[in-house]
Amino acid sequence: MNLDKDLKPTMNVVPPAVLQNAGSHQPYHYLLLCRQYMGQYSELEMMDGEVYSGLLSSYDSENLYMAIPLNGKEAEASRVVFPFFAGELHPGVGLFGFPFHGIRRFRPYA
C-alpha cells in the first residue's frame, strides 16, 4: 500500500484493507486528518458503533483527543464509565482520548 497515493487527507473512512485485518490500523491516515481538521467540530464513529461529537483538540501518535460538551450528570458519569476520560478542560467540557485503532469513521463539520 502506497500511503501517499492511497490515503488522502480528505478521505474520512478507514480503508477496506485496514478493516479486513483485525487488530491492524494505519495511524498515518488519522494523523493527516487530525492535522487538517485541528480545532474543528468533528464526529467520530467507533468500531463498536458509538458516535461522539466534539472539538478536535489535539493528537499524538496513537490517539486523538476531543473536547466534548457535558452536562452535569454526563460529567460525573464520564469519570466512572468512559475509559479514556482525560479530565475536565473547564466546567461543562471534558477532554476524551480515542485510540486510532478503534475509529471506523471521522467526519468534520463544515
PDB file of N, CA and C in Angstrom:
ATOM      1  N   MET A   1       0.849  -1.179   0.000  1.00  0.00           N
ATOM      2  CA  MET A   1       0.000   0.000   0.000  1.00  0.00           C
ATOM      3  C   MET A   1       0.889   1.235   0.000  1.00  0.00           C
ATOM      4  N   ASN A   2       0.690   2.109  -0.945  1.00  0.00           N
ATOM      5  CA  ASN A   2       1.418   3.366  -1.025  1.00  0.00           C
ATOM      6  C   ASN A   2       0.638   4.403  -0.230  1.00  0.00           C
ATOM      7  N   LEU A   3       1.133   4.765   0.962  1.00  0.00           N
ATOM      8  CA  LEU A   3       0.389   5.664   1.843  1.00  0.00           C
ATOM      9  C   LEU A   3       0.124   7.013   1.208  1.00  0.00           C
ATOM     10  N   ASP A   4       1.105   7.569   0.504  1.00  0.00           N
ATOM     11  CA  ASP A   4       0.912   8.885  -0.097  1.00  0.00           C
ATOM     12  C   ASP A   4      -0.126   8.854  -1.205  1.00  0.00           C
ATOM     13  N   LYS A   5      -0.214   7.747  -1.937  1.00  0.00           N
ATOM     14  CA  LYS A   5      -1.165   7.644  -3.041  1.00  0.00           C
ATOM     15  C   LYS A   5      -2.549   7.211  -2.565  1.00  0.00           C
ATOM     16  N   ASP A   6      -2.616   6.216  -1.661  1.00  0.00           N
ATOM     17  CA  ASP A   6      -3.883   5.607  -1.276  1.00  0.00           C
ATOM     18  C   ASP A   6      -4.602   6.310  -0.132  1.00  0.00           C
ATOM     19  N   LEU A   7      -3.897   7.004   0.738  1.00  0.00           N
ATOM     20  CA  LEU A   7      -4.518   7.649   1.886  1.00  0.00           C
ATOM     21  C   LEU A   7      -4.412   9.156   1.733  1.00  0.00           C
ATOM     22  N   LYS A   8      -5.486   9.772   1.372  1.00  0.00           N
ATOM     23  CA  LYS A   8      -5.505  11.215   1.171  1.00  0.00           C
ATOM     24  C   LYS A   8      -6.155  11.875   2.393  1.00  0.00           C
ATOM     25  N   PRO A   9      -5.738  13.092   2.768  1.00  0.00           N
ATOM     26  CA  PRO A   9      -6.285  13.742   3.946  1.00  0.00           C
ATOM     27  C   PRO A   9      -7.795  13.940   3.892  1.00  0.00           C
ATOM     28  N   THR A  10      -8.377  14.033   2.695  1.00  0.00           N
ATOM     29  CA  THR A  10      -9.813  14.260   2.605  1.00  0.00           C
ATOM     30  C   THR A  10     -10.609  12.976   2.775  1.00  0.00           C
ATOM     31  N   MET A  11      -9.962  11.826   2.721  1.00  0.00           N
ATOM     32  CA  MET A  11     -10.656  10.558   2.901  1.00  0.00           C
ATOM     33  C   MET A  11     -11.040  10.427   4.367  1.00  0.00           C
ATOM     34  N   ASN A  12     -12.301  10.064   4.663  1.00  0.00           N
ATOM     35  CA  ASN A  12     -12.718  10.037   6.051  1.00  0.00           C
ATOM     36  C   ASN A  12     -13.247   8.692   6.515  1.00  0.00           C
ATOM     37  N   VAL A  13     -12.968   7.625   5.777  1.00  0.00           N
ATOM     38  CA  VAL A  13     -13.373   6.283   6.166  1.00  0.00           C
ATOM     39  C   VAL A  13     -12.125   5.417   6.209  1.00  0.00           C
ATOM     40  N   VAL A  14     -12.058   4.527   7.188  1.00  0.00           N
ATOM     41  CA  VAL A  14     -10.914   3.627   7.277  1.00  0.00           C
ATOM     42  C   VAL A  14     -10.844   2.802   5.996  1.00  0.00           C
ATOM     43  N   PRO A  15      -9.673   2.701   5.367  1.00  0.00           N
ATOM     44  CA  PRO A  15      -9.547   1.925   4.133  1.00  0.00           C
ATOM     45  C   PRO A  15      -9.979   0.476   4.342  1.00  0.00           C
ATOM     46  N   PRO A  16     -10.647  -0.140   3.340  1.00  0.00           N
ATOM     47  CA  PRO A  16     -11.123  -1.524   3.476  1.00  0.00           C
ATOM     48  C   PRO A  16     -10.024  -2.502   3.861  1.00  0.00           C
ATOM     49  N   ALA A  17      -8.814  -2.315   3.365  1.00  0.00           N
ATOM     50  CA  ALA A  17      -7.718  -3.225   3.705  1.00  0.00           C
ATOM     51  C   ALA A  17      -7.445  -3.218   5.206  1.00  0.00           C
ATOM     52  N   VAL A  18      -7.631  -2.072   5.849  1.00  0.00           N
ATOM     53  CA  VAL A  18      -7.407  -1.974   7.288  1.00  0.00           C
ATOM     54  C   VAL A  18      -8.516  -2.686   8.041  1.00  0.00           C
ATOM     55  N   LEU A  19      -9.776  -2.512   7.605  1.00  0.00           N
ATOM     56  CA  LEU A  19     -10.895  -3.164   8.275  1.00  0.00           C
ATOM     57  C   LEU A  19     -10.805  -4.680   8.176  1.00  0.00           C
ATOM     58  N   GLN A  20     -10.260  -5.206   7.087  1.00  0.00           N
ATOM     59  CA  GLN A  20     -10.156  -6.648   6.903  1.00  0.00           C
ATOM     60  C   GLN A  20      -9.122  -7.259   7.832  1.00  0.00           C
ATOM     61  N   ASN A  21      -8.113  -6.515   8.207  1.00  0.00           N
ATOM     62  CA  ASN A  21      -7.058  -7.021   9.088  1.00  0.00           C
ATOM     63  C   ASN A  21      -7.375  -6.626  10.523  1.00  0.00           C
ATOM     64  N   ALA A  22      -8.112  -7.492  11.239  1.00  0.00           N
ATOM     65  CA  ALA A  22      -8.476  -7.189  12.621  1.00  0.00           C
ATOM     66  C   ALA A  22      -7.210  -6.965  13.443  1.00  0.00           C
ATOM     67  N   GLY A  23      -7.216  -5.945  14.255  1.00  0.00           N
ATOM     68  CA  GLY A  23      -6.063  -5.620  15.073  1.00  0.00           C
ATOM     69  C   GLY A  23      -5.024  -4.771  14.354  1.00  0.00           C
ATOM     70  N   SER A  24      -5.237  -4.501  13.078  1.00  0.00           N
ATOM     71  CA  SER A  24      -4.302  -3.689  12.309  1.00  0.00           C
ATOM     72  C   SER A  24      -4.922  -2.315  12.088  1.00  0.00           C
ATOM     73  N   HIS A  25      -4.121  -1.277  12.115  1.00  0.00           N
ATOM     74  CA  HIS A  25      -4.626   0.063  11.830  1.00  0.00           C
ATOM     75  C   HIS A  25      -3.514   0.909  11.237  1.00  0.00           C
ATOM     76  N   GLN A  26      -3.898   2.005  10.618  1.00  0.00           N
ATOM     77  CA  GLN A  26      -2.949   2.907   9.976  1.00  0.00           C
ATOM     78  C   GLN A  26      -3.027   4.279  10.643  1.00  0.00           C
ATOM     79  N   PRO A  27      -2.231   4.524  11.673  1.00  0.00           N
ATOM     80  CA  PRO A  27      -2.303   5.824  12.335  1.00  0.00           C
ATOM     81  C   PRO A  27      -1.951   6.987  11.412  1.00  0.00           C
ATOM     82  N   TYR A  28      -1.159   6.735  10.385  1.00  0.00           N
ATOM     83  CA  TYR A  28      -0.783   7.795   9.444  1.00  0.00           C
ATOM     84  C   TYR A  28      -2.020   8.467   8.851  1.00  0.00           C
ATOM     85  N   HIS A  29      -3.021   7.673   8.516  1.00  0.00           N
ATOM     86  CA  HIS A  29      -4.276   8.184   7.957  1.00  0.00           C
ATOM     87  C   HIS A  29      -4.916   9.190   8.916  1.00  0.00           C
ATOM     88  N   TYR A  30      -4.992   8.840  10.199  1.00  0.00           N
ATOM     89  CA  TYR A  30      -5.631   9.725  11.165  1.00  0.00           C
ATOM     90  C   TYR A  30      -4.742  10.907  11.536  1.00  0.00           C
ATOM     91  N   LEU A  31      -3.438  10.737  11.476  1.00  0.00           N
ATOM     92  CA  LEU A  31      -2.554  11.881  11.711  1.00  0.00           C
ATOM     93  C   LEU A  31      -2.783  12.956  10.654  1.00  0.00           C
ATOM     94  N   LEU A  32      -2.964  12.541   9.400  1.00  0.00           N
ATOM     95  CA  LEU A  32      -3.258  13.504   8.331  1.00  0.00           C
ATOM     96  C   LEU A  32      -4.586  14.211   8.573  1.00  0.00           C
ATOM     97  N   LEU A  33      -5.614  13.442   8.950  1.00  0.00           N
ATOM     98  CA  LEU A  33      -6.923  14.041   9.220  1.00  0.00           C
ATOM     99  C   LEU A  33      -6.857  14.997  10.407  1.00  0.00           C
ATOM    100  N   CYS A  34      -6.170  14.600  11.472  1.00  0.00           N
ATOM    101  CA  CYS A  34      -6.048  15.460  12.652  1.00  0.00           C
ATOM    102  C   CYS A  34      -5.341  16.763  12.308  1.00  0.00           C
ATOM    103  N   ARG A  35      -4.278  16.668  11.546  1.00  0.00           N
ATOM    104  CA  ARG A  35      -3.534  17.866  11.150  1.00  0.00           C
ATOM    105  C   ARG A  35      -4.429  18.809  10.342  1.00  0.00           C
ATOM    106  N   GLN A  36      -5.220  18.239   9.434  1.00  0.00           N
ATOM    107  CA  GLN A  36      -6.060  19.055   8.560  1.00  0.00           C
ATOM    108  C   GLN A  36      -7.233  19.692   9.311  1.00  0.00           C
ATOM    109  N   TYR A  37      -7.833  18.972  10.256  1.00  0.00           N
ATOM    110  CA  TYR A  37      -9.064  19.438  10.895  1.00  0.00           C
ATOM    111  C   TYR A  37      -8.891  19.854  12.352  1.00  0.00           C
ATOM    112  N   MET A  38      -7.662  20.107  12.796  1.00  0.00           N
ATOM    113  CA  MET A  38      -7.404  20.525  14.169  1.00  0.00           C
ATOM    114  C   MET A  38      -8.225  21.764  14.519  1.00  0.00           C
ATOM    115  N   GLY A  39      -8.906  21.717  15.660  1.00  0.00           N
ATOM    116  CA  GLY A  39      -9.695  22.846  16.125  1.00  0.00           C
ATOM    117  C   GLY A  39     -11.097  22.910  15.558  1.00  0.00           C
ATOM    118  N   GLN A  40     -11.479  21.966  14.707  1.00  0.00           N
ATOM    119  CA  GLN A  40     -12.817  21.970  14.114  1.00  0.00           C
ATOM    120  C   GLN A  40     -13.729  20.990  14.847  1.00  0.00           C
ATOM    121  N   TYR A  41     -15.017  21.296  14.816  1.00  0.00           N
ATOM    122  CA  TYR A  41     -16.010  20.405  15.389  1.00  0.00           C
ATOM    123  C   TYR A  41     -16.129  19.190  14.477  1.00  0.00           C
ATOM    124  N   SER A  42     -16.028  17.995  15.053  1.00  0.00           N
ATOM    125  CA  SER A  42     -15.995  16.766  14.267  1.00  0.00           C
ATOM    126  C   SER A  42     -16.825  15.683  14.929  1.00  0.00           C
ATOM    127  N   GLU A  43     -17.079  14.626  14.175  1.00  0.00           N
ATOM    128  CA  GLU A  43     -17.821  13.468  14.671  1.00  0.00           C
ATOM    129  C   GLU A  43     -16.994  12.214  14.411  1.00  0.00           C
ATOM    130  N   LEU A  44     -16.913  11.336  15.416  1.00  0.00           N
ATOM    131  CA  LEU A  44     -16.220  10.058  15.292  1.00  0.00           C
ATOM    132  C   LEU A  44     -17.224   8.932  15.431  1.00  0.00           C
ATOM    133  N   GLU A  45     -17.100   7.924  14.598  1.00  0.00           N
ATOM    134  CA  GLU A  45     -17.842   6.687  14.800  1.00  0.00           C
ATOM    135  C   GLU A  45     -16.809   5.622  15.112  1.00  0.00           C
ATOM    136  N   MET A  46     -16.973   4.960  16.254  1.00  0.00           N
ATOM    137  CA  MET A  46     -16.018   3.949  16.679  1.00  0.00           C
ATOM    138  C   MET A  46     -16.394   2.589  16.089  1.00  0.00           C
ATOM    139  N   MET A  47     -15.483   1.634  16.153  1.00  0.00           N
ATOM    140  CA  MET A  47     -15.725   0.293  15.624  1.00  0.00           C
ATOM    141  C   MET A  47     -16.921  -0.380  16.296  1.00  0.00           C
ATOM    142  N   ASP A  48     -17.205  -0.024  17.556  1.00  0.00           N
ATOM    143  CA  ASP A  48     -18.337  -0.626  18.264  1.00  0.00           C
ATOM    144  C   ASP A  48     -19.660   0.075  17.974  1.00  0.00           C
ATOM    145  N   GLY A  49     -19.653   1.088  17.088  1.00  0.00           N
ATOM    146  CA  GLY A  49     -20.878   1.775  16.698  1.00  0.00           C
ATOM    147  C   GLY A  49     -21.172   3.044  17.475  1.00  0.00           C
ATOM    148  N   GLU A  50     -20.460   3.303  18.570  1.00  0.00           N
ATOM    149  CA  GLU A  50     -20.667   4.526  19.341  1.00  0.00           C
ATOM    150  C   GLU A  50     -20.236   5.736  18.514  1.00  0.00           C
ATOM    151  N   VAL A  51     -20.980   6.836  18.638  1.00  0.00           N
ATOM    152  CA  VAL A  51     -20.682   8.063  17.899  1.00  0.00           C
ATOM    153  C   VAL A  51     -20.440   9.185  18.908  1.00  0.00           C
ATOM    154  N   TYR A  52     -19.362   9.944  18.699  1.00  0.00           N
ATOM    155  CA  TYR A  52     -19.000  11.049  19.573  1.00  0.00           C
ATOM    156  C   TYR A  52     -18.798  12.302  18.739  1.00  0.00           C
ATOM    157  N   SER A  53     -19.268  13.441  19.253  1.00  0.00           N
ATOM    158  CA  SER A  53     -19.107  14.727  18.576  1.00  0.00           C
ATOM    159  C   SER A  53     -18.423  15.700  19.520  1.00  0.00           C
ATOM    160  N   GLY A  54     -17.482  16.456  18.990  1.00  0.00           N
ATOM    161  CA  GLY A  54     -16.792  17.438  19.806  1.00  0.00           C
ATOM    162  C   GLY A  54     -15.745  18.175  19.000  1.00  0.00           C
ATOM    163  N   LEU A  55     -14.996  19.005  19.678  1.00  0.00           N
ATOM    164  CA  LEU A  55     -13.949  19.810  19.064  1.00  0.00           C
ATOM    165  C   LEU A  55     -12.649  19.013  19.058  1.00  0.00           C
ATOM    166  N   LEU A  56     -12.040  18.851  17.883  1.00  0.00           N
ATOM    167  CA  LEU A  56     -10.762  18.145  17.781  1.00  0.00           C
ATOM    168  C   LEU A  56      -9.704  18.999  18.472  1.00  0.00           C
ATOM    169  N   SER A  57      -9.252  18.553  19.633  1.00  0.00           N
ATOM    170  CA  SER A  57      -8.401  19.353  20.498  1.00  0.00           C
ATOM    171  C   SER A  57      -6.911  19.120  20.270  1.00  0.00           C
ATOM    172  N   SER A  58      -6.492  17.858  20.178  1.00  0.00           N
ATOM    173  CA  SER A  58      -5.079  17.539  19.962  1.00  0.00           C
ATOM    174  C   SER A  58      -4.959  16.088  19.522  1.00  0.00           C
ATOM    175  N   TYR A  59      -3.724  15.671  19.250  1.00  0.00           N
ATOM    176  CA  TYR A  59      -3.474  14.286  18.865  1.00  0.00           C
ATOM    177  C   TYR A  59      -2.021  13.937  19.153  1.00  0.00           C
ATOM    178  N   ASP A  60      -1.759  12.638  19.237  1.00  0.00           N
ATOM    179  CA  ASP A  60      -0.388  12.153  19.335  1.00  0.00           C
ATOM    180  C   ASP A  60      -0.255  10.973  18.380  1.00  0.00           C
ATOM    181  N   SER A  61       0.757  10.160  18.525  1.00  0.00           N
ATOM    182  CA  SER A  61       0.992   9.074  17.567  1.00  0.00           C
ATOM    183  C   SER A  61      -0.005   7.929  17.689  1.00  0.00           C
ATOM    184  N   GLU A  62      -0.779   7.863  18.778  1.00  0.00           N
ATOM    185  CA  GLU A  62      -1.713   6.753  18.987  1.00  0.00           C
ATOM    186  C   GLU A  62      -3.172   7.172  19.153  1.00  0.00           C
ATOM    187  N   ASN A  63      -3.431   8.408  19.556  1.00  0.00           N
ATOM    188  CA  ASN A  63      -4.782   8.836  19.919  1.00  0.00           C
ATOM    189  C   ASN A  63      -5.096  10.216  19.369  1.00  0.00           C
ATOM    190  N   LEU A  64      -6.397  10.479  19.227  1.00  0.00           N
ATOM    191  CA  LEU A  64      -6.836  11.851  19.017  1.00  0.00           C
ATOM    192  C   LEU A  64      -7.683  12.233  20.218  1.00  0.00           C
ATOM    193  N   TYR A  65      -7.685  13.502  20.551  1.00  0.00           N
ATOM    194  CA  TYR A  65      -8.366  13.991  21.744  1.00  0.00           C
ATOM    195  C   TYR A  65      -9.405  15.024  21.339  1.00  0.00           C
ATOM    196  N   MET A  66     -10.616  14.856  21.895  1.00  0.00           N
ATOM    197  CA  MET A  66     -11.717  15.762  21.588  1.00  0.00           C
ATOM    198  C   MET A  66     -12.230  16.403  22.863  1.00  0.00           C
ATOM    199  N   ALA A  67     -12.541  17.691  22.778  1.00  0.00           N
ATOM    200  CA  ALA A  67     -13.228  18.398  23.849  1.00  0.00           C
ATOM    201  C   ALA A  67     -14.717  18.235  23.574  1.00  0.00           C
ATOM    202  N   ILE A  68     -15.414  17.579  24.513  1.00  0.00           N
ATOM    203  CA  ILE A  68     -16.827  17.257  24.321  1.00  0.00           C
ATOM    204  C   ILE A  68     -17.644  17.956  25.399  1.00  0.00           C
ATOM    205  N   PRO A  69     -18.660  18.754  24.988  1.00  0.00           N
ATOM    206  CA  PRO A  69     -19.522  19.417  25.969  1.00  0.00           C
ATOM    207  C   PRO A  69     -20.287  18.385  26.802  1.00  0.00           C
ATOM    208  N   LEU A  70     -20.368  18.619  28.113  1.00  0.00           N
ATOM    209  CA  LEU A  70     -21.050  17.713  29.030  1.00  0.00           C
ATOM    210  C   LEU A  70     -22.025  18.492  29.891  1.00  0.00           C
ATOM    211  N   ASN A  71     -23.152  17.857  30.216  1.00  0.00           N
ATOM    212  CA  ASN A  71     -23.996  18.452  31.246  1.00  0.00           C
ATOM    213  C   ASN A  71     -23.545  17.873  32.582  1.00  0.00           C
ATOM    214  N   GLY A  72     -24.102  18.291  33.670  1.00  0.00           N
ATOM    215  CA  GLY A  72     -23.649  17.870  34.996  1.00  0.00           C
ATOM    216  C   GLY A  72     -23.636  16.371  35.206  1.00  0.00           C
ATOM    217  N   LYS A  73     -24.708  15.673  34.816  1.00  0.00           N
ATOM    218  CA  LYS A  73     -24.786  14.224  35.016  1.00  0.00           C
ATOM    219  C   LYS A  73     -23.793  13.489  34.120  1.00  0.00           C
ATOM    220  N   GLU A  74     -23.637  13.934  32.876  1.00  0.00           N
ATOM    221  CA  GLU A  74     -22.680  13.295  31.963  1.00  0.00           C
ATOM    222  C   GLU A  74     -21.256  13.458  32.469  1.00  0.00           C
ATOM    223  N   ALA A  75     -20.947  14.621  33.021  1.00  0.00           N
ATOM    224  CA  ALA A  75     -19.594  14.863  33.518  1.00  0.00           C
ATOM    225  C   ALA A  75     -19.253  13.880  34.633  1.00  0.00           C
ATOM    226  N   GLU A  76     -20.180  13.666  35.547  1.00  0.00           N
ATOM    227  CA  GLU A  76     -19.934  12.736  36.652  1.00  0.00           C
ATOM    228  C   GLU A  76     -19.841  11.301  36.154  1.00  0.00           C
ATOM    229  N   ALA A  77     -20.730  10.899  35.245  1.00  0.00           N
ATOM    230  CA  ALA A  77     -20.729   9.529  34.718  1.00  0.00           C
ATOM    231  C   ALA A  77     -19.478   9.248  33.898  1.00  0.00           C
ATOM    232  N   SER A  78     -18.976  10.230  33.184  1.00  0.00           N
ATOM    233  CA  SER A  78     -17.814  10.009  32.321  1.00  0.00           C
ATOM    234  C   SER A  78     -16.569   9.662  33.130  1.00  0.00           C
ATOM    235  N   ARG A  79     -16.473  10.157  34.337  1.00  0.00           N
ATOM    236  CA  ARG A  79     -15.311   9.843  35.170  1.00  0.00           C
ATOM    237  C   ARG A  79     -15.298   8.368  35.557  1.00  0.00           C
ATOM    238  N   VAL A  80     -16.478   7.778  35.663  1.00  0.00           N
ATOM    239  CA  VAL A  80     -16.602   6.394  36.104  1.00  0.00           C
ATOM    240  C   VAL A  80     -16.622   5.423  34.934  1.00  0.00           C
ATOM    241  N   VAL A  81     -17.382   5.724  33.884  1.00  0.00           N
ATOM    242  CA  VAL A  81     -17.644   4.781  32.807  1.00  0.00           C
ATOM    243  C   VAL A  81     -16.671   4.891  31.648  1.00  0.00           C
ATOM    244  N   PHE A  82     -16.339   6.071  31.218  1.00  0.00           N
ATOM    245  CA  PHE A  82     -15.575   6.238  29.981  1.00  0.00           C
ATOM    246  C   PHE A  82     -14.094   5.959  30.227  1.00  0.00           C
ATOM    247  N   PRO A  83     -13.506   4.988  29.515  1.00  0.00           N
ATOM    248  CA  PRO A  83     -12.135   4.575  29.812  1.00  0.00           C
ATOM    249  C   PRO A  83     -11.054   5.578  29.412  1.00  0.00           C
ATOM    250  N   PHE A  84     -11.336   6.496  28.509  1.00  0.00           N
ATOM    251  CA  PHE A  84     -10.301   7.412  28.034  1.00  0.00           C
ATOM    252  C   PHE A  84     -10.587   8.847  28.441  1.00  0.00           C
ATOM    253  N   PHE A  85     -11.285   9.038  29.563  1.00  0.00           N
ATOM    254  CA  PHE A  85     -11.591  10.384  30.025  1.00  0.00           C
ATOM    255  C   PHE A  85     -10.331  10.996  30.609  1.00  0.00           C
ATOM    256  N   ALA A  86      -9.892  12.110  30.041  1.00  0.00           N
ATOM    257  CA  ALA A  86      -8.641  12.736  30.469  1.00  0.00           C
ATOM    258  C   ALA A  86      -8.860  13.861  31.479  1.00  0.00           C
ATOM    259  N   GLY A  87     -10.099  14.215  31.758  1.00  0.00           N
ATOM    260  CA  GLY A  87     -10.381  15.257  32.731  1.00  0.00           C
ATOM    261  C   GLY A  87     -11.143  16.416  32.121  1.00  0.00           C
ATOM    262  N   GLU A  88     -11.628  17.301  32.996  1.00  0.00           N
ATOM    263  CA  GLU A  88     -12.369  18.464  32.520  1.00  0.00           C
ATOM    264  C   GLU A  88     -11.396  19.557  32.109  1.00  0.00           C
ATOM    265  N   LEU A  89     -11.659  20.139  30.935  1.00  0.00           N
ATOM    266  CA  LEU A  89     -10.865  21.287  30.489  1.00  0.00           C
ATOM    267  C   LEU A  89     -11.274  22.520  31.270  1.00  0.00           C
ATOM    268  N   HIS A  90     -12.560  22.760  31.331  1.00  0.00           N
ATOM    269  CA  HIS A  90     -13.174  23.765  32.174  1.00  0.00           C
ATOM    270  C   HIS A  90     -14.599  23.300  32.398  1.00  0.00           C
ATOM    271  N   PRO A  91     -15.348  23.901  33.305  1.00  0.00           N
ATOM    272  CA  PRO A  91     -16.675  23.389  33.637  1.00  0.00           C
ATOM    273  C   PRO A  91     -17.550  23.148  32.406  1.00  0.00           C
ATOM    274  N   GLY A  92     -18.097  21.945  32.330  1.00  0.00           N
ATOM    275  CA  GLY A  92     -19.004  21.601  31.249  1.00  0.00           C
ATOM    276  C   GLY A  92     -18.348  21.040  30.002  1.00  0.00           C
ATOM    277  N   VAL A  93     -17.010  20.935  29.990  1.00  0.00           N
ATOM    278  CA  VAL A  93     -16.306  20.406  28.813  1.00  0.00           C
ATOM    279  C   VAL A  93     -15.279  19.380  29.272  1.00  0.00           C
ATOM    280  N   GLY A  94     -15.387  18.160  28.739  1.00  0.00           N
ATOM    281  CA  GLY A  94     -14.435  17.106  29.074  1.00  0.00           C
ATOM    282  C   GLY A  94     -13.489  16.833  27.921  1.00  0.00           C
ATOM    283  N   LEU A  95     -12.284  16.388  28.229  1.00  0.00           N
ATOM    284  CA  LEU A  95     -11.312  16.005  27.211  1.00  0.00           C
ATOM    285  C   LEU A  95     -11.276  14.484  27.149  1.00  0.00           C
ATOM    286  N   PHE A  96     -11.562  13.932  25.976  1.00  0.00           N
ATOM    287  CA  PHE A  96     -11.618  12.491  25.797  1.00  0.00           C
ATOM    288  C   PHE A  96     -10.602  12.058  24.756  1.00  0.00           C
ATOM    289  N   GLY A  97      -9.946  10.929  25.001  1.00  0.00           N
ATOM    290  CA  GLY A  97      -8.995  10.364  24.053  1.00  0.00           C
ATOM    291  C   GLY A  97      -9.590   9.171  23.337  1.00  0.00           C
ATOM    292  N   PHE A  98      -9.324   9.060  22.046  1.00  0.00           N
ATOM    293  CA  PHE A  98      -9.823   7.956  21.233  1.00  0.00           C
ATOM    294  C   PHE A  98      -8.646   7.304  20.518  1.00  0.00           C
ATOM    295  N   PRO A  99      -8.427   5.999  20.735  1.00  0.00           N
ATOM    296  CA  PRO A  99      -7.320   5.329  20.038  1.00  0.00           C
ATOM    297  C   PRO A  99      -7.612   5.215  18.547  1.00  0.00           C
ATOM    298  N   PHE A 100      -6.611   5.469  17.722  1.00  0.00           N
ATOM    299  CA  PHE A 100      -6.796   5.405  16.270  1.00  0.00           C
ATOM    300  C   PHE A 100      -7.332   4.049  15.826  1.00  0.00           C
ATOM    301  N   HIS A 101      -6.883   2.966  16.465  1.00  0.00           N
ATOM    302  CA  HIS A 101      -7.298   1.634  16.016  1.00  0.00           C
ATOM    303  C   HIS A 101      -8.777   1.348  16.268  1.00  0.00           C
ATOM    304  N   GLY A 102      -9.452   2.163  17.072  1.00  0.00           N
ATOM    305  CA  GLY A 102     -10.865   1.942  17.355  1.00  0.00           C
ATOM    306  C   GLY A 102     -11.810   2.783  16.514  1.00  0.00           C
ATOM    307  N   ILE A 103     -11.279   3.623  15.633  1.00  0.00           N
ATOM    308  CA  ILE A 103     -12.106   4.542  14.850  1.00  0.00           C
ATOM    309  C   ILE A 103     -12.535   3.899  13.542  1.00  0.00           C
ATOM    310  N   ARG A 104     -13.837   3.954  13.272  1.00  0.00           N
ATOM    311  CA  ARG A 104     -14.360   3.472  11.992  1.00  0.00           C
ATOM    312  C   ARG A 104     -14.483   4.620  10.997  1.00  0.00           C
ATOM    313  N   ARG A 105     -15.056   5.753  11.439  1.00  0.00           N
ATOM    314  CA  ARG A 105     -15.249   6.900  10.546  1.00  0.00           C
ATOM    315  C   ARG A 105     -14.948   8.197  11.286  1.00  0.00           C
ATOM    316  N   PHE A 106     -14.509   9.172  10.530  1.00  0.00           N
ATOM    317  CA  PHE A 106     -14.225  10.513  11.033  1.00  0.00           C
ATOM    318  C   PHE A 106     -14.899  11.483  10.083  1.00  0.00           C
ATOM    319  N   ARG A 107     -15.659  12.433  10.643  1.00  0.00           N
ATOM    320  CA  ARG A 107     -16.355  13.393   9.792  1.00  0.00           C
ATOM    321  C   ARG A 107     -16.269  14.780  10.403  1.00  0.00           C
ATOM    322  N   PRO A 108     -15.575  15.698   9.728  1.00  0.00           N
ATOM    323  CA  PRO A 108     -15.573  17.088  10.189  1.00  0.00           C
ATOM    324  C   PRO A 108     -16.856  17.785   9.745  1.00  0.00           C
ATOM    325  N   TYR A 109     -17.329  18.714  10.564  1.00  0.00           N
ATOM    326  CA  TYR A 109     -18.483  19.523  10.184  1.00  0.00           C
ATOM    327  C   TYR A 109     -17.991  20.751   9.447  1.00  0.00           C
ATOM    328  N   ALA A 110     -18.694  21.141   8.414  1.00  0.00           N
ATOM    329  CA  ALA A 110     -18.284  22.312   7.623  1.00  0.00           C
ATOM    330  C   ALA A 110     -18.622  23.591   8.337  1.00  0.00           C
TER     331      ALA A 110
END
